[in-house]
C-alpha atoms as a PDB file:
ATOM      1  CA  UNK A   1       0.000   0.000   0.000  1.00  0.00           C
ATOM      2  CA  UNK A   2       1.507   3.338  -1.089  1.00  0.00           C
ATOM      3  CA  UNK A   3       1.019   6.615   0.746  1.00  0.00           C
ATOM      4  CA  UNK A   4      -1.897   7.769  -1.393  1.00  0.00           C
ATOM      5  CA  UNK A   5      -3.764   4.515  -0.744  1.00  0.00           C
ATOM      6  CA  UNK A   6      -2.940   4.729   2.962  1.00  0.00           C
ATOM      7  CA  UNK A   7      -4.286   8.277   3.228  1.00  0.00           C
ATOM      8  CA  UNK A   8      -7.512   7.211   1.536  1.00  0.00           C
ATOM      9  CA  UNK A   9      -7.775   4.217   3.857  1.00  0.00           C
ATOM     10  CA  UNK A  10      -7.366   6.428   6.933  1.00  0.00           C
ATOM     11  CA  UNK A  11     -10.032   8.827   5.661  1.00  0.00           C
ATOM     12  CA  UNK A  12     -12.440   5.957   5.069  1.00  0.00           C
ATOM     13  CA  UNK A  13     -11.706   4.503   8.514  1.00  0.00           C
ATOM     14  CA  UNK A  14     -12.303   7.768  10.349  1.00  0.00           C
ATOM     15  CA  UNK A  15     -15.417   8.408   8.257  1.00  0.00           C
ATOM     16  CA  UNK A  16     -16.907   5.028   9.159  1.00  0.00           C
ATOM     17  CA  UNK A  17     -15.898   4.945  12.837  1.00  0.00           C
ATOM     18  CA  UNK A  18     -15.878   8.656  13.803  1.00  0.00           C
ATOM     19  CA  UNK A  19     -12.685   8.031  15.834  1.00  0.00           C
ATOM     20  CA  UNK A  20      -9.488   6.084  15.103  1.00  0.00           C
ATOM     21  CA  UNK A  21      -6.461   5.191  17.199  1.00  0.00           C
ATOM     22  CA  UNK A  22      -2.846   5.433  16.020  1.00  0.00           C
ATOM     23  CA  UNK A  23      -1.751   2.041  17.331  1.00  0.00           C
ATOM     24  CA  UNK A  24      -4.817   0.208  16.034  1.00  0.00           C
ATOM     25  CA  UNK A  25      -4.581   1.903  12.632  1.00  0.00           C
ATOM     26  CA  UNK A  26      -0.896   0.990  12.393  1.00  0.00           C
ATOM     27  CA  UNK A  27      -1.734  -2.680  12.966  1.00  0.00           C
ATOM     28  CA  UNK A  28      -4.543  -2.651  10.405  1.00  0.00           C
ATOM     29  CA  UNK A  29      -2.469  -0.949   7.710  1.00  0.00           C
ATOM     30  CA  UNK A  30       0.737  -2.808   8.651  1.00  0.00           C
ATOM     31  CA  UNK A  31       2.908   0.255   9.059  1.00  0.00           C
ATOM     32  CA  UNK A  32       4.620   1.879  12.032  1.00  0.00           C
ATOM     33  CA  UNK A  33       2.753   4.151  14.467  1.00  0.00           C
ATOM     34  CA  UNK A  34       5.147   6.945  13.484  1.00  0.00           C
ATOM     35  CA  UNK A  35       3.984   6.640   9.862  1.00  0.00           C
ATOM     36  CA  UNK A  36       0.344   6.836  10.935  1.00  0.00           C
ATOM     37  CA  UNK A  37       1.052   9.915  13.049  1.00  0.00           C
ATOM     38  CA  UNK A  38       2.671  11.665  10.089  1.00  0.00           C
ATOM     39  CA  UNK A  39      -0.254  10.706   7.853  1.00  0.00           C
ATOM     40  CA  UNK A  40      -2.817  11.981  10.359  1.00  0.00           C
ATOM     41  CA  UNK A  41      -0.904  15.230  10.797  1.00  0.00           C
ATOM     42  CA  UNK A  42      -0.877  15.631   7.008  1.00  0.00           C
ATOM     43  CA  UNK A  43      -4.644  15.068   6.739  1.00  0.00           C
ATOM     44  CA  UNK A  44      -5.333  17.351   9.704  1.00  0.00           C
ATOM     45  CA  UNK A  45      -3.302  20.145   8.076  1.00  0.00           C
ATOM     46  CA  UNK A  46      -5.749  19.946   5.167  1.00  0.00           C
ATOM     47  CA  UNK A  47      -8.740  19.986   7.536  1.00  0.00           C
ATOM     48  CA  UNK A  48      -9.876  16.513   6.471  1.00  0.00           C
ATOM     49  CA  UNK A  49      -9.932  15.248  10.054  1.00  0.00           C
ATOM     50  CA  UNK A  50      -9.164  16.502  13.552  1.00  0.00           C
ATOM     51  CA  UNK A  51      -6.154  15.211  15.458  1.00  0.00           C
ATOM     52  CA  UNK A  52      -6.590  14.022  19.005  1.00  0.00           C
ATOM     53  CA  UNK A  53      -4.149  12.643  21.528  1.00  0.00           C
ATOM     54  CA  UNK A  54      -3.441   9.155  20.261  1.00  0.00           C
ATOM     55  CA  UNK A  55      -5.529   9.332  17.107  1.00  0.00           C
ATOM     56  CA  UNK A  56      -8.052  11.392  15.151  1.00  0.00           C
ATOM     57  CA  UNK A  57     -11.777  12.115  14.878  1.00  0.00           C
ATOM     58  CA  UNK A  58     -14.020  13.141  12.007  1.00  0.00           C
ATOM     59  CA  UNK A  59     -14.210  16.700  10.811  1.00  0.00           C
ATOM     60  CA  UNK A  60     -17.201  18.279   9.116  1.00  0.00           C
ATOM     61  CA  UNK A  61     -15.969  17.122   5.690  1.00  0.00           C
ATOM     62  CA  UNK A  62     -15.284  13.491   6.511  1.00  0.00           C
ATOM     63  CA  UNK A  63     -18.074  12.211   4.291  1.00  0.00           C
ATOM     64  CA  UNK A  64     -17.550  14.610   1.390  1.00  0.00           C
ATOM     65  CA  UNK A  65     -13.873  14.371   0.584  1.00  0.00           C
ATOM     66  CA  UNK A  66     -12.032  16.522  -1.958  1.00  0.00           C
ATOM     67  CA  UNK A  67     -11.758  15.007  -5.413  1.00  0.00           C
ATOM     68  CA  UNK A  68      -7.970  14.673  -5.188  1.00  0.00           C
ATOM     69  CA  UNK A  69      -8.409  12.333  -2.202  1.00  0.00           C
ATOM     70  CA  UNK A  70     -11.002  10.151  -3.962  1.00  0.00           C
ATOM     71  CA  UNK A  71      -9.057   9.322  -7.100  1.00  0.00           C
ATOM     72  CA  UNK A  72      -7.168   6.370  -5.647  1.00  0.00           C
ATOM     73  CA  UNK A  73     -10.319   4.568  -4.515  1.00  0.00           C
ATOM     74  CA  UNK A  74     -11.372   1.786  -6.951  1.00  0.00           C
ATOM     75  CA  UNK A  75      -9.133   3.386  -9.578  1.00  0.00           C
ATOM     76  CA  UNK A  76      -8.846   0.401 -11.928  1.00  0.00           C
ATOM     77  CA  UNK A  77     -12.596  -0.225 -11.823  1.00  0.00           C
ATOM     78  CA  UNK A  78     -13.299   3.410 -12.673  1.00  0.00           C
ATOM     79  CA  UNK A  79     -10.880   3.291 -15.595  1.00  0.00           C
ATOM     80  CA  UNK A  80     -12.632   0.220 -17.019  1.00  0.00           C
ATOM     81  CA  UNK A  81     -16.004   1.894 -16.560  1.00  0.00           C
ATOM     82  CA  UNK A  82     -14.692   4.982 -18.358  1.00  0.00           C
ATOM     83  CA  UNK A  83     -13.512   2.898 -21.318  1.00  0.00           C
ATOM     84  CA  UNK A  84     -16.854   1.077 -21.535  1.00  0.00           C
ATOM     85  CA  UNK A  85     -18.724   4.381 -21.413  1.00  0.00           C
ATOM     86  CA  UNK A  86     -16.587   5.900 -24.169  1.00  0.00           C
ATOM     87  CA  UNK A  87     -17.546   3.033 -26.482  1.00  0.00           C
ATOM     88  CA  UNK A  88     -21.153   4.271 -26.419  1.00  0.00           C
ATOM     89  CA  UNK A  89     -20.151   7.588 -27.981  1.00  0.00           C
ATOM     90  CA  UNK A  90     -19.967   8.188 -31.743  1.00  0.00           C
ATOM     91  CA  UNK A  91     -18.687  11.017 -33.924  1.00  0.00           C
ATOM     92  CA  UNK A  92     -20.938  14.046 -34.040  1.00  0.00           C
ATOM     93  CA  UNK A  93     -22.629  13.352 -30.708  1.00  0.00           C
ATOM     94  CA  UNK A  94     -23.323  15.904 -27.991  1.00  0.00           C
ATOM     95  CA  UNK A  95     -22.683  14.398 -24.580  1.00  0.00           C
ATOM     96  CA  UNK A  96     -23.037  15.740 -21.068  1.00  0.00           C
ATOM     97  CA  UNK A  97     -20.618  14.775 -18.291  1.00  0.00           C
ATOM     98  CA  UNK A  98     -20.953  15.806 -14.673  1.00  0.00           C
ATOM     99  CA  UNK A  99     -18.138  15.890 -12.114  1.00  0.00           C
ATOM    100  CA  UNK A 100     -16.530  13.224  -9.944  1.00  0.00           C
ATOM    101  CA  UNK A 101     -13.805  10.651 -10.337  1.00  0.00           C
ATOM    102  CA  UNK A 102     -15.699   8.121 -12.464  1.00  0.00           C
ATOM    103  CA  UNK A 103     -17.069  10.780 -14.807  1.00  0.00           C
ATOM    104  CA  UNK A 104     -13.525  12.116 -15.124  1.00  0.00           C
ATOM    105  CA  UNK A 105     -12.388   8.684 -16.305  1.00  0.00           C
ATOM    106  CA  UNK A 106     -15.140   8.788 -18.942  1.00  0.00           C
ATOM    107  CA  UNK A 107     -13.802  12.087 -20.254  1.00  0.00           C
ATOM    108  CA  UNK A 108     -10.238  10.749 -20.299  1.00  0.00           C
ATOM    109  CA  UNK A 109     -11.339   7.697 -22.243  1.00  0.00           C
ATOM    110  CA  UNK A 110     -13.122   9.910 -24.762  1.00  0.00           C
ATOM    111  CA  UNK A 111      -9.967  11.990 -25.169  1.00  0.00           C
ATOM    112  CA  UNK A 112      -7.952   8.923 -26.175  1.00  0.00           C
ATOM    113  CA  UNK A 113     -10.416   7.617 -28.772  1.00  0.00           C
ATOM    114  CA  UNK A 114      -8.769   8.097 -32.206  1.00  0.00           C
ATOM    115  CA  UNK A 115     -12.039   9.045 -33.907  1.00  0.00           C
ATOM    116  CA  UNK A 116     -12.310  12.069 -31.592  1.00  0.00           C
ATOM    117  CA  UNK A 117      -8.829  13.299 -32.426  1.00  0.00           C
ATOM    118  CA  UNK A 118      -9.283  13.923 -36.136  1.00  0.00           C
ATOM    119  CA  UNK A 119     -10.557  17.071 -37.800  1.00  0.00           C
ATOM    120  CA  UNK A 120     -12.704  19.807 -36.303  1.00  0.00           C
ATOM    121  CA  UNK A 121     -15.320  19.345 -33.596  1.00  0.00           C
ATOM    122  CA  UNK A 122     -15.957  15.627 -34.013  1.00  0.00           C
ATOM    123  CA  UNK A 123     -17.537  15.577 -30.546  1.00  0.00           C
ATOM    124  CA  UNK A 124     -19.217  18.132 -28.261  1.00  0.00           C
ATOM    125  CA  UNK A 125     -18.923  17.734 -24.497  1.00  0.00           C
ATOM    126  CA  UNK A 126     -21.075  19.775 -22.129  1.00  0.00           C
ATOM    127  CA  UNK A 127     -19.800  19.704 -18.547  1.00  0.00           C
ATOM    128  CA  UNK A 128     -20.089  21.537 -15.247  1.00  0.00           C
ATOM    129  CA  UNK A 129     -16.739  20.127 -14.066  1.00  0.00           C
ATOM    130  CA  UNK A 130     -13.772  22.475 -14.341  1.00  0.00           C
ATOM    131  CA  UNK A 131     -11.182  19.694 -14.231  1.00  0.00           C
ATOM    132  CA  UNK A 132     -12.850  17.846 -17.115  1.00  0.00           C
ATOM    133  CA  UNK A 133     -13.134  21.022 -19.182  1.00  0.00           C
ATOM    134  CA  UNK A 134      -9.465  21.792 -18.530  1.00  0.00           C
ATOM    135  CA  UNK A 135      -8.279  18.348 -19.646  1.00  0.00           C
ATOM    136  CA  UNK A 136     -10.438  18.202 -22.771  1.00  0.00           C
ATOM    137  CA  UNK A 137      -9.660  21.746 -23.877  1.00  0.00           C
ATOM    138  CA  UNK A 138      -6.305  20.433 -25.085  1.00  0.00           C
ATOM    139  CA  UNK A 139      -8.140  18.273 -27.662  1.00  0.00           C
ATOM    140  CA  UNK A 140      -8.799  20.557 -30.622  1.00  0.00           C
ATOM    141  CA  UNK A 141     -11.324  18.210 -32.214  1.00  0.00           C
ATOM    142  CA  UNK A 142     -13.522  18.126 -29.084  1.00  0.00           C
ATOM    143  CA  UNK A 143     -15.770  21.139 -28.595  1.00  0.00           C
ATOM    144  CA  UNK A 144     -16.137  21.991 -24.895  1.00  0.00           C
ATOM    145  CA  UNK A 145     -19.166  23.768 -23.472  1.00  0.00           C
ATOM    146  CA  UNK A 146     -18.996  24.658 -19.782  1.00  0.00           C
ATOM    147  CA  UNK A 147     -21.821  25.825 -17.591  1.00  0.00           C
ATOM    148  CA  UNK A 148     -21.580  28.882 -15.446  1.00  0.00           C
ATOM    149  CA  UNK A 149     -22.038  28.644 -11.723  1.00  0.00           C
ATOM    150  CA  UNK A 150     -20.286  28.692  -8.383  1.00  0.00           C
ATOM    151  CA  UNK A 151     -17.337  26.331  -7.951  1.00  0.00           C
ATOM    152  CA  UNK A 152     -17.426  23.633  -5.287  1.00  0.00           C
ATOM    153  CA  UNK A 153     -13.762  23.271  -4.339  1.00  0.00           C
ATOM    154  CA  UNK A 154     -14.109  19.635  -3.236  1.00  0.00           C
ATOM    155  CA  UNK A 155     -15.400  18.409  -6.591  1.00  0.00           C
ATOM    156  CA  UNK A 156     -14.451  21.174  -9.073  1.00  0.00           C
ATOM    157  CA  UNK A 157     -18.123  21.262 -10.127  1.00  0.00           C
ATOM    158  CA  UNK A 158     -20.039  24.420 -11.037  1.00  0.00           C
ATOM    159  CA  UNK A 159     -23.443  24.624  -9.377  1.00  0.00           C
ATOM    160  CA  UNK A 160     -26.287  27.046  -8.818  1.00  0.00           C
ATOM    161  CA  UNK A 161     -28.671  29.116 -10.990  1.00  0.00           C
ATOM    162  CA  UNK A 162     -25.960  30.207 -13.439  1.00  0.00           C
ATOM    163  CA  UNK A 163     -25.259  26.565 -14.322  1.00  0.00           C
ATOM    164  CA  UNK A 164     -28.964  26.017 -14.920  1.00  0.00           C
ATOM    165  CA  UNK A 165     -29.142  28.945 -17.363  1.00  0.00           C
ATOM    166  CA  UNK A 166     -26.772  27.207 -19.781  1.00  0.00           C
ATOM    167  CA  UNK A 167     -28.176  23.700 -19.340  1.00  0.00           C
ATOM    168  CA  UNK A 168     -31.733  24.837 -20.100  1.00  0.00           C
ATOM    169  CA  UNK A 169     -30.485  25.968 -23.522  1.00  0.00           C
ATOM    170  CA  UNK A 170     -28.852  22.724 -24.706  1.00  0.00           C
ATOM    171  CA  UNK A 171     -29.919  19.252 -25.805  1.00  0.00           C
ATOM    172  CA  UNK A 172     -27.772  16.153 -25.330  1.00  0.00           C
ATOM    173  CA  UNK A 173     -27.587  12.784 -27.047  1.00  0.00           C
ATOM    174  CA  UNK A 174     -26.086  11.121 -23.973  1.00  0.00           C
ATOM    175  CA  UNK A 175     -25.565  12.186 -20.371  1.00  0.00           C
ATOM    176  CA  UNK A 176     -22.939  10.415 -18.278  1.00  0.00           C
ATOM    177  CA  UNK A 177     -23.820  10.849 -14.622  1.00  0.00           C
ATOM    178  CA  UNK A 178     -21.420   9.929 -11.843  1.00  0.00           C
ATOM    179  CA  UNK A 179     -23.114   9.404  -8.484  1.00  0.00           C
ATOM    180  CA  UNK A 180     -22.199   8.971  -4.831  1.00  0.00           C
ATOM    181  CA  UNK A 181     -24.774   6.196  -4.435  1.00  0.00           C
ATOM    182  CA  UNK A 182     -27.362   4.355  -6.504  1.00  0.00           C
ATOM    183  CA  UNK A 183     -30.093   1.947  -5.460  1.00  0.00           C
ATOM    184  CA  UNK A 184     -32.746   0.155  -7.581  1.00  0.00           C
ATOM    185  CA  UNK A 185     -35.487   1.339  -5.214  1.00  0.00           C
ATOM    186  CA  UNK A 186     -34.331   4.716  -3.902  1.00  0.00           C
ATOM    187  CA  UNK A 187     -32.552   5.970  -7.026  1.00  0.00           C
ATOM    188  CA  UNK A 188     -29.495   8.129  -7.604  1.00  0.00           C
ATOM    189  CA  UNK A 189     -27.846  10.252  -4.908  1.00  0.00           C
ATOM    190  CA  UNK A 190     -25.130  12.868  -4.404  1.00  0.00           C
ATOM    191  CA  UNK A 191     -23.593  14.091  -1.165  1.00  0.00           C
ATOM    192  CA  UNK A 192     -24.389  17.744  -1.884  1.00  0.00           C
ATOM    193  CA  UNK A 193     -27.789  19.164  -2.796  1.00  0.00           C
ATOM    194  CA  UNK A 194     -26.399  21.730  -5.268  1.00  0.00           C
ATOM    195  CA  UNK A 195     -24.560  19.020  -7.200  1.00  0.00           C
ATOM    196  CA  UNK A 196     -27.661  16.832  -7.172  1.00  0.00           C
ATOM    197  CA  UNK A 197     -29.718  19.659  -8.668  1.00  0.00           C
ATOM    198  CA  UNK A 198     -27.296  20.238 -11.564  1.00  0.00           C
ATOM    199  CA  UNK A 199     -26.892  16.494 -12.158  1.00  0.00           C
ATOM    200  CA  UNK A 200     -30.679  16.162 -12.370  1.00  0.00           C
ATOM    201  CA  UNK A 201     -30.809  18.936 -14.959  1.00  0.00           C
ATOM    202  CA  UNK A 202     -27.994  17.449 -17.056  1.00  0.00           C
ATOM    203  CA  UNK A 203     -29.856  14.133 -17.122  1.00  0.00           C
ATOM    204  CA  UNK A 204     -33.133  15.820 -18.071  1.00  0.00           C
ATOM    205  CA  UNK A 205     -31.545  17.366 -21.173  1.00  0.00           C
ATOM    206  CA  UNK A 206     -30.422  13.997 -22.607  1.00  0.00           C
ATOM    207  CA  UNK A 207     -32.123  11.467 -24.830  1.00  0.00           C
ATOM    208  CA  UNK A 208     -30.307   8.698 -22.944  1.00  0.00           C
ATOM    209  CA  UNK A 209     -28.947   8.753 -19.389  1.00  0.00           C
ATOM    210  CA  UNK A 210     -25.964   6.558 -18.521  1.00  0.00           C
ATOM    211  CA  UNK A 211     -24.967   6.216 -14.864  1.00  0.00           C
ATOM    212  CA  UNK A 212     -21.305   5.401 -14.281  1.00  0.00           C
ATOM    213  CA  UNK A 213     -20.690   3.983 -10.802  1.00  0.00           C
ATOM    214  CA  UNK A 214     -18.296   1.427  -9.374  1.00  0.00           C
ATOM    215  CA  UNK A 215     -19.827  -1.481  -7.468  1.00  0.00           C
ATOM    216  CA  UNK A 216     -19.192   0.100  -4.036  1.00  0.00           C
ATOM    217  CA  UNK A 217     -21.876   2.709  -4.859  1.00  0.00           C
ATOM    218  CA  UNK A 218     -24.625   0.131  -5.452  1.00  0.00           C
ATOM    219  CA  UNK A 219     -27.249  -0.241  -2.753  1.00  0.00           C
ATOM    220  CA  UNK A 220     -26.270   2.925  -0.912  1.00  0.00           C
ATOM    221  CA  UNK A 221     -27.758   6.373  -0.528  1.00  0.00           C
ATOM    222  CA  UNK A 222     -26.439   9.829   0.245  1.00  0.00           C
ATOM    223  CA  UNK A 223     -27.892  13.151   1.332  1.00  0.00           C
ATOM    224  CA  UNK A 224     -29.447  14.529  -1.846  1.00  0.00           C
ATOM    225  CA  UNK A 225     -31.528  12.616  -4.382  1.00  0.00           C
ATOM    226  CA  UNK A 226     -30.761  13.179  -8.059  1.00  0.00           C
ATOM    227  CA  UNK A 227     -33.542  11.129  -9.642  1.00  0.00           C
ATOM    228  CA  UNK A 228     -35.388   7.842  -9.527  1.00  0.00           C
ATOM    229  CA  UNK A 229     -34.048   4.607 -11.026  1.00  0.00           C
ATOM    230  CA  UNK A 230     -36.667   4.736 -13.790  1.00  0.00           C
ATOM    231  CA  UNK A 231     -35.032   7.891 -15.151  1.00  0.00           C
ATOM    232  CA  UNK A 232     -31.928   6.089 -16.405  1.00  0.00           C
ATOM    233  CA  UNK A 233     -31.425   3.816 -19.397  1.00  0.00           C
ATOM    234  CA  UNK A 234     -27.943   2.382 -18.813  1.00  0.00           C
ATOM    235  CA  UNK A 235     -25.837   1.577 -15.757  1.00  0.00           C
ATOM    236  CA  UNK A 236     -22.122   0.896 -16.214  1.00  0.00           C
ATOM    237  CA  UNK A 237     -20.447  -0.666 -13.187  1.00  0.00           C
ATOM    238  CA  UNK A 238     -17.678  -3.180 -12.543  1.00  0.00           C
ATOM    239  CA  UNK A 239     -17.668  -6.976 -12.415  1.00  0.00           C
ATOM    240  CA  UNK A 240     -17.709  -7.031  -8.596  1.00  0.00           C
ATOM    241  CA  UNK A 241     -21.303  -5.743  -8.619  1.00  0.00           C
ATOM    242  CA  UNK A 242     -23.751  -7.721  -6.473  1.00  0.00           C
ATOM    243  CA  UNK A 243     -25.802  -9.921  -8.879  1.00  0.00           C
ATOM    244  CA  UNK A 244     -28.979  -9.115  -6.940  1.00  0.00           C
ATOM    245  CA  UNK A 245     -28.568  -5.413  -7.623  1.00  0.00           C
ATOM    246  CA  UNK A 246     -27.764  -6.093 -11.271  1.00  0.00           C
ATOM    247  CA  UNK A 247     -30.918  -8.194 -11.601  1.00  0.00           C
ATOM    248  CA  UNK A 248     -33.015  -5.549  -9.862  1.00  0.00           C
ATOM    249  CA  UNK A 249     -31.898  -2.844 -12.275  1.00  0.00           C
ATOM    250  CA  UNK A 250     -32.452  -5.106 -15.269  1.00  0.00           C
ATOM    251  CA  UNK A 251     -35.992  -5.820 -14.079  1.00  0.00           C
ATOM    252  CA  UNK A 252     -36.587  -2.061 -14.224  1.00  0.00           C
ATOM    253  CA  UNK A 253     -35.535  -2.079 -17.887  1.00  0.00           C
ATOM    254  CA  UNK A 254     -32.083  -0.630 -17.220  1.00  0.00           C
ATOM    255  CA  UNK A 255     -29.317  -2.032 -19.398  1.00  0.00           C
ATOM    256  CA  UNK A 256     -26.417  -3.021 -17.119  1.00  0.00           C
ATOM    257  CA  UNK A 257     -22.881  -3.147 -18.514  1.00  0.00           C
ATOM    258  CA  UNK A 258     -20.211  -4.832 -16.385  1.00  0.00           C
ATOM    259  CA  UNK A 259     -16.770  -3.455 -17.135  1.00  0.00           C
END
């Protein structure tokens, strides 16, 4: 386990348990207590947790971590999901992509497709994610449309009424929606209500809605509901997905792709 993975593991542990101990964490992660102390000090300096004598406790952002601290979690699964999603896109399409780590992998997969690297504007991408817009701007054959809005520093997403002004004026062939949780009964969820609102609008502008979510997101729920399960046409997840959840989505008429 490298340092990035260890930091993510510590954040997940403190998020689940509210309080962690240095000695116990060192045993679980098979490193020295001194290493854990340095890691906790590093995370505390970024206000991702609060240091205590002998350990750490949750801070007010423990369940909504900055994007840069989420990227290492289920990385290979997200990359496979991104590649599978990119195969649904054809030249001339207009696609919407929201923010988050899995949606970012979709945009990266699109950027590497040879058919989207030839000529002028072979693909149009509408996004409210600043990091995605920044990466794709370097591809001259991909036209980038960004929404307005107020930036959420944890996710790099633009939210609020200004984002809605742009989205109400566009139509999409496909919308790729990354979520914090998805359930066949409760639907799609995000941690933050402003992100959920923009995600809902992106989905509503598309002829086909594709949810991209690794298997750890299945069966969960978060604070803010994006939409119901009947509002999506395709779910792309990884091969570790619980077969019961896969079957439940398929019974709703959702096409499930295991990447």
